[in-house]
Amino acid sequence: MKMKKMIQTEGAPAAIGAYSQGVEVNGMLFVSGQIPFKPETMELISEDVQEQTLQSLKNLRAIVEEAGFDVEDIVKTTIFIKDMDEFGLINQVYGDFFKDHKPARACVEVARLPKDVKVEIEAIAVKE
């Protein structure tokens, strides 16, 4: 039997469209793309790509933890970036965040992101 649960937390920015922050179904968690907004103010953290990356990851973690998962349960991420020339800077913050845990990942340069941010990160997590 399929059990679906919508995940909502004040620890991450509120959805700015017709979507959920996350959806859990059958032990899997699908986290919507997180942009670098501070949840308390719904404002961009800064123009710095590394600060934007860290804030996006913090927002992702808040949703994962709200659903009762851990960062180590993340098995796949997708990073959408505005400028592939900034990949090294983004990758440095990403690596520091995940440490020895290395989910599968895709990184795609896109023409434009919501609110003209420089980075957006989505994830899939699975419980044992």
C-alpha atoms as a PDB file:
ATOM      1  CA  MET A   1       0.000   0.000   0.000  1.00  0.00           C
ATOM      2  CA  LYS A   2       1.386   3.393  -1.009  1.00  0.00           C
ATOM      3  CA  MET A   3       1.707   5.904   1.810  1.00  0.00           C
ATOM      4  CA  LYS A   4       2.315   9.487   0.692  1.00  0.00           C
ATOM      5  CA  LYS A   5       3.119  12.318   3.093  1.00  0.00           C
ATOM      6  CA  MET A   6       3.722  15.981   2.236  1.00  0.00           C
ATOM      7  CA  ILE A   7       6.627  17.502   4.163  1.00  0.00           C
ATOM      8  CA  GLN A   8       6.489  21.109   5.359  1.00  0.00           C
ATOM      9  CA  THR A   9       8.898  22.907   7.698  1.00  0.00           C
ATOM     10  CA  GLU A  10       9.522  26.489   8.724  1.00  0.00           C
ATOM     11  CA  GLY A  11      13.236  25.584   8.712  1.00  0.00           C
ATOM     12  CA  ALA A  12      13.280  26.000   4.923  1.00  0.00           C
ATOM     13  CA  PRO A  13      11.791  28.675   2.674  1.00  0.00           C
ATOM     14  CA  ALA A  14       8.090  28.333   2.017  1.00  0.00           C
ATOM     15  CA  ALA A  15       7.171  27.002  -1.421  1.00  0.00           C
ATOM     16  CA  ILE A  16       6.844  29.891  -3.883  1.00  0.00           C
ATOM     17  CA  GLY A  17       4.714  27.914  -6.295  1.00  0.00           C
ATOM     18  CA  ALA A  18       2.334  24.989  -6.570  1.00  0.00           C
ATOM     19  CA  TYR A  19       4.585  22.336  -4.996  1.00  0.00           C
ATOM     20  CA  SER A  20       5.543  20.778  -1.662  1.00  0.00           C
ATOM     21  CA  GLN A  21       8.918  21.231   0.012  1.00  0.00           C
ATOM     22  CA  GLY A  22       9.144  17.458   0.049  1.00  0.00           C
ATOM     23  CA  VAL A  23       7.083  14.338  -0.518  1.00  0.00           C
ATOM     24  CA  GLU A  24       7.698  11.031   1.259  1.00  0.00           C
ATOM     25  CA  VAL A  25       6.376   7.855  -0.317  1.00  0.00           C
ATOM     26  CA  ASN A  26       7.258   4.248   0.541  1.00  0.00           C
ATOM     27  CA  GLY A  27      10.430   5.113   2.452  1.00  0.00           C
ATOM     28  CA  MET A  28      11.682   7.514  -0.197  1.00  0.00           C
ATOM     29  CA  LEU A  29      11.855  11.290   0.197  1.00  0.00           C
ATOM     30  CA  PHE A  30      11.793  13.619  -2.802  1.00  0.00           C
ATOM     31  CA  VAL A  31      12.950  17.124  -1.875  1.00  0.00           C
ATOM     32  CA  SER A  32      12.031  19.995  -4.176  1.00  0.00           C
ATOM     33  CA  GLY A  33      14.789  22.235  -5.464  1.00  0.00           C
ATOM     34  CA  GLN A  34      16.023  24.538  -2.729  1.00  0.00           C
ATOM     35  CA  ILE A  35      17.183  28.039  -3.493  1.00  0.00           C
ATOM     36  CA  PRO A  36      19.373  30.147  -1.173  1.00  0.00           C
ATOM     37  CA  PHE A  37      16.647  32.042   0.645  1.00  0.00           C
ATOM     38  CA  LYS A  38      16.757  32.501   4.415  1.00  0.00           C
ATOM     39  CA  PRO A  39      13.594  30.792   5.703  1.00  0.00           C
ATOM     40  CA  GLU A  40      12.900  33.496   8.299  1.00  0.00           C
ATOM     41  CA  THR A  41      12.842  36.373   5.817  1.00  0.00           C
ATOM     42  CA  MET A  42      12.371  34.697   2.415  1.00  0.00           C
ATOM     43  CA  GLU A  43      15.266  36.845   1.179  1.00  0.00           C
ATOM     44  CA  LEU A  44      18.394  35.863  -0.739  1.00  0.00           C
ATOM     45  CA  ILE A  45      21.310  35.058   1.587  1.00  0.00           C
ATOM     46  CA  SER A  46      23.820  37.029  -0.556  1.00  0.00           C
ATOM     47  CA  GLU A  47      25.157  37.319  -4.104  1.00  0.00           C
ATOM     48  CA  ASP A  48      28.137  35.046  -3.235  1.00  0.00           C
ATOM     49  CA  VAL A  49      27.820  31.648  -4.936  1.00  0.00           C
ATOM     50  CA  GLN A  50      29.419  29.759  -2.028  1.00  0.00           C
ATOM     51  CA  GLU A  51      27.066  31.333   0.511  1.00  0.00           C
ATOM     52  CA  GLN A  52      24.166  30.572  -1.825  1.00  0.00           C
ATOM     53  CA  THR A  53      25.272  26.939  -2.104  1.00  0.00           C
ATOM     54  CA  LEU A  54      25.555  26.509   1.673  1.00  0.00           C
ATOM     55  CA  GLN A  55      22.142  28.098   2.297  1.00  0.00           C
ATOM     56  CA  SER A  56      20.532  25.854  -0.340  1.00  0.00           C
ATOM     57  CA  LEU A  57      22.077  22.817   1.381  1.00  0.00           C
ATOM     58  CA  LYS A  58      20.934  24.000   4.826  1.00  0.00           C
ATOM     59  CA  ASN A  59      17.391  24.389   3.475  1.00  0.00           C
ATOM     60  CA  LEU A  60      17.600  20.901   1.987  1.00  0.00           C
ATOM     61  CA  ARG A  61      18.810  19.477   5.318  1.00  0.00           C
ATOM     62  CA  ALA A  62      15.910  21.128   7.209  1.00  0.00           C
ATOM     63  CA  ILE A  63      13.379  19.359   4.977  1.00  0.00           C
ATOM     64  CA  VAL A  64      15.207  16.033   5.162  1.00  0.00           C
ATOM     65  CA  GLU A  65      15.325  16.204   8.962  1.00  0.00           C
ATOM     66  CA  GLU A  66      11.683  17.333   9.241  1.00  0.00           C
ATOM     67  CA  ALA A  67      10.748  14.137   7.397  1.00  0.00           C
ATOM     68  CA  GLY A  68      12.724  12.042   9.896  1.00  0.00           C
ATOM     69  CA  PHE A  69      15.614  11.305   7.544  1.00  0.00           C
ATOM     70  CA  ASP A  70      19.311  12.165   7.913  1.00  0.00           C
ATOM     71  CA  VAL A  71      21.654  13.812   5.418  1.00  0.00           C
ATOM     72  CA  GLU A  72      23.336  10.400   5.128  1.00  0.00           C
ATOM     73  CA  ASP A  73      20.046   9.035   3.734  1.00  0.00           C
ATOM     74  CA  ILE A  74      20.399  11.263   0.650  1.00  0.00           C
ATOM     75  CA  VAL A  75      21.224   9.027  -2.307  1.00  0.00           C
ATOM     76  CA  LYS A  76      20.961  11.502  -5.216  1.00  0.00           C
ATOM     77  CA  THR A  77      21.179  15.244  -5.718  1.00  0.00           C
ATOM     78  CA  THR A  78      20.785  17.487  -8.710  1.00  0.00           C
ATOM     79  CA  ILE A  79      22.490  20.865  -8.717  1.00  0.00           C
ATOM     80  CA  PHE A  80      21.293  23.527 -11.112  1.00  0.00           C
ATOM     81  CA  ILE A  81      23.783  26.365 -11.553  1.00  0.00           C
ATOM     82  CA  LYS A  82      23.739  29.616 -13.450  1.00  0.00           C
ATOM     83  CA  ASP A  83      27.440  29.581 -14.422  1.00  0.00           C
ATOM     84  CA  MET A  84      29.522  26.412 -14.896  1.00  0.00           C
ATOM     85  CA  ASP A  85      32.639  28.539 -14.340  1.00  0.00           C
ATOM     86  CA  GLU A  86      31.596  28.637 -10.656  1.00  0.00           C
ATOM     87  CA  PHE A  87      31.384  24.827 -10.387  1.00  0.00           C
ATOM     88  CA  GLY A  88      34.645  24.573  -8.430  1.00  0.00           C
ATOM     89  CA  LEU A  89      33.430  27.018  -5.796  1.00  0.00           C
ATOM     90  CA  ILE A  90      30.084  25.225  -5.529  1.00  0.00           C
ATOM     91  CA  ASN A  91      31.752  21.801  -5.380  1.00  0.00           C
ATOM     92  CA  GLN A  92      34.013  22.917  -2.522  1.00  0.00           C
ATOM     93  CA  VAL A  93      31.036  23.898  -0.326  1.00  0.00           C
ATOM     94  CA  TYR A  94      29.098  20.791  -1.408  1.00  0.00           C
ATOM     95  CA  GLY A  95      32.014  18.509  -0.487  1.00  0.00           C
ATOM     96  CA  ASP A  96      32.459  20.173   2.914  1.00  0.00           C
ATOM     97  CA  PHE A  97      28.727  19.757   3.599  1.00  0.00           C
ATOM     98  CA  PHE A  98      28.512  16.060   2.728  1.00  0.00           C
ATOM     99  CA  LYS A  99      32.012  15.153   4.002  1.00  0.00           C
ATOM    100  CA  ASP A 100      32.573  11.407   3.452  1.00  0.00           C
ATOM    101  CA  HIS A 101      28.977  10.763   2.371  1.00  0.00           C
ATOM    102  CA  LYS A 102      28.897  11.086  -1.401  1.00  0.00           C
ATOM    103  CA  PRO A 103      25.425  10.814  -2.975  1.00  0.00           C
ATOM    104  CA  ALA A 104      25.092  10.293  -6.712  1.00  0.00           C
ATOM    105  CA  ARG A 105      24.882  13.694  -8.359  1.00  0.00           C
ATOM    106  CA  ALA A 106      24.165  15.587 -11.534  1.00  0.00           C
ATOM    107  CA  CYS A 107      25.144  19.208 -12.107  1.00  0.00           C
ATOM    108  CA  VAL A 108      23.516  21.183 -14.881  1.00  0.00           C
ATOM    109  CA  GLU A 109      24.095  24.737 -16.070  1.00  0.00           C
ATOM    110  CA  VAL A 110      20.786  26.455 -16.780  1.00  0.00           C
ATOM    111  CA  ALA A 111      19.835  29.738 -18.422  1.00  0.00           C
ATOM    112  CA  ARG A 112      17.889  31.028 -15.444  1.00  0.00           C
ATOM    113  CA  LEU A 113      16.773  29.971 -11.967  1.00  0.00           C
ATOM    114  CA  PRO A 114      13.859  31.163  -9.797  1.00  0.00           C
ATOM    115  CA  LYS A 115      14.402  34.670  -8.420  1.00  0.00           C
ATOM    116  CA  ASP A 116      17.642  34.830 -10.481  1.00  0.00           C
ATOM    117  CA  VAL A 117      19.648  32.901  -7.872  1.00  0.00           C
ATOM    118  CA  LYS A 118      22.954  31.262  -8.806  1.00  0.00           C
ATOM    119  CA  VAL A 119      22.219  27.754  -7.496  1.00  0.00           C
ATOM    120  CA  GLU A 120      19.311  25.396  -6.766  1.00  0.00           C
ATOM    121  CA  ILE A 121      19.669  21.898  -5.268  1.00  0.00           C
ATOM    122  CA  GLU A 122      17.155  19.042  -5.132  1.00  0.00           C
ATOM    123  CA  ALA A 123      17.549  15.616  -3.528  1.00  0.00           C
ATOM    124  CA  ILE A 124      16.224  12.105  -3.125  1.00  0.00           C
ATOM    125  CA  ALA A 125      16.667  10.283   0.194  1.00  0.00           C
ATOM    126  CA  VAL A 126      15.920   6.654   1.070  1.00  0.00           C
ATOM    127  CA  LYS A 127      15.464   5.030   4.478  1.00  0.00           C
ATOM    128  CA  GLU A 128      16.896   1.569   5.081  1.00  0.00           C
END
